[in-house]
Amino acid sequence: MNLVEDYIKRSKELIGDRTKSEIQYDNEVIRWLQKGKSIKKAITKANEKCPDEALDVSIDNLGDVAAHYEYLKNHEDIVNKMPK
């Protein structure tokens, strides 16, 4: 395997399987994060647009949720820079 294949394999393990609607929700959160919004604001906006996938974020899990979406945002940036 090469570095790209290793990265893709590991990222799939970390992200896991997602439904189409989960991907749409995640993309909405990432879109707001890329606009410079806080994770709380990004989640609120995504919850409004995709209520079936809405997350209930509390102070107890906000750090984990923020880390997850920061990873997804960085992952999207990396994948978009990879040769096609």
Protein backbone atom coordinates (compact mmCIF):
# COMPACT_ATOMS: atom_id res chain seq x y z
CA MET A 1 0.00 0.00 0.00
CA ASN A 2 1.08 3.54 -0.51
CA LEU A 3 0.65 6.54 1.76
CA VAL A 4 -2.61 7.66 0.12
CA GLU A 5 -4.17 4.21 0.39
CA ASP A 6 -3.05 3.96 4.02
CA TYR A 7 -4.61 7.34 4.79
CA ILE A 8 -7.92 6.44 3.11
CA LYS A 9 -8.10 3.11 4.93
CA ARG A 10 -7.42 4.70 8.32
CA SER A 11 -9.85 7.55 7.75
CA LYS A 12 -12.62 5.06 6.88
CA GLU A 13 -11.93 3.29 10.16
CA LEU A 14 -12.16 6.57 12.09
CA ILE A 15 -15.20 7.99 10.31
CA GLY A 16 -17.10 4.73 9.93
CA ASP A 17 -20.04 4.00 7.70
CA ARG A 18 -22.47 6.87 7.23
CA THR A 19 -25.82 7.09 5.49
CA LYS A 20 -26.43 9.63 2.75
CA SER A 21 -28.40 11.81 5.18
CA GLU A 22 -25.60 11.61 7.77
CA ILE A 23 -23.12 12.73 5.13
CA GLN A 24 -25.40 15.63 4.18
CA TYR A 25 -25.64 16.65 7.84
CA ASP A 26 -21.89 16.40 8.33
CA ASN A 27 -21.31 18.47 5.19
CA GLU A 28 -23.66 21.14 6.51
CA VAL A 29 -21.76 21.33 9.81
CA ILE A 30 -18.45 21.54 7.92
CA ARG A 31 -19.83 24.25 5.63
CA TRP A 32 -20.61 26.46 8.63
CA LEU A 33 -17.27 25.71 10.27
CA GLN A 34 -15.51 26.76 7.06
CA LYS A 35 -17.41 30.05 7.26
CA GLY A 36 -15.80 30.60 10.66
CA LYS A 37 -18.80 29.75 12.83
CA SER A 38 -18.38 28.06 16.19
CA ILE A 39 -19.18 24.38 16.53
CA LYS A 40 -22.31 25.23 18.51
CA LYS A 41 -23.55 27.57 15.77
CA ALA A 42 -22.64 25.08 13.03
CA ILE A 43 -24.58 22.31 14.82
CA THR A 44 -27.58 24.60 15.32
CA LYS A 45 -27.63 25.52 11.61
CA ALA A 46 -27.22 21.88 10.54
CA ASN A 47 -29.99 20.83 12.94
CA GLU A 48 -32.31 23.38 11.31
CA LYS A 49 -31.50 22.19 7.78
CA CYS A 50 -31.39 18.44 8.55
CA PRO A 51 -33.74 17.86 11.51
CA ASP A 52 -33.83 14.08 11.01
CA GLU A 53 -30.09 13.93 11.76
CA ALA A 54 -30.08 16.64 14.45
CA LEU A 55 -27.49 16.24 17.17
CA ASP A 56 -28.21 16.97 20.81
CA VAL A 57 -24.94 18.44 21.99
CA SER A 58 -24.30 19.13 25.65
CA ILE A 59 -21.39 20.65 27.53
CA ASP A 60 -20.32 17.08 28.37
CA ASN A 61 -19.83 16.02 24.74
CA LEU A 62 -19.17 19.35 22.99
CA GLY A 63 -15.40 18.79 22.97
CA ASP A 64 -15.74 15.35 21.40
CA VAL A 65 -18.20 16.64 18.79
CA ALA A 66 -15.92 19.58 17.97
CA ALA A 67 -12.92 17.25 17.58
CA HIS A 68 -14.93 14.92 15.31
CA TYR A 69 -15.98 17.75 13.01
CA GLU A 70 -12.52 19.29 12.99
CA TYR A 71 -11.21 15.92 11.85
CA LEU A 72 -13.90 15.68 9.14
CA LYS A 73 -13.14 19.22 7.97
CA ASN A 74 -9.43 18.48 7.73
CA HIS A 75 -10.15 15.15 6.06
CA GLU A 76 -12.23 16.88 3.37
CA ASP A 77 -9.37 19.33 2.76
CA ILE A 78 -6.88 16.48 2.41
CA VAL A 79 -9.09 14.43 0.09
CA ASN A 80 -9.75 17.46 -2.12
CA LYS A 81 -5.98 17.96 -2.54
CA MET A 82 -5.28 14.35 -3.48
CA PRO A 83 -4.57 13.53 -7.09
CA LYS A 84 -7.61 12.16 -8.86
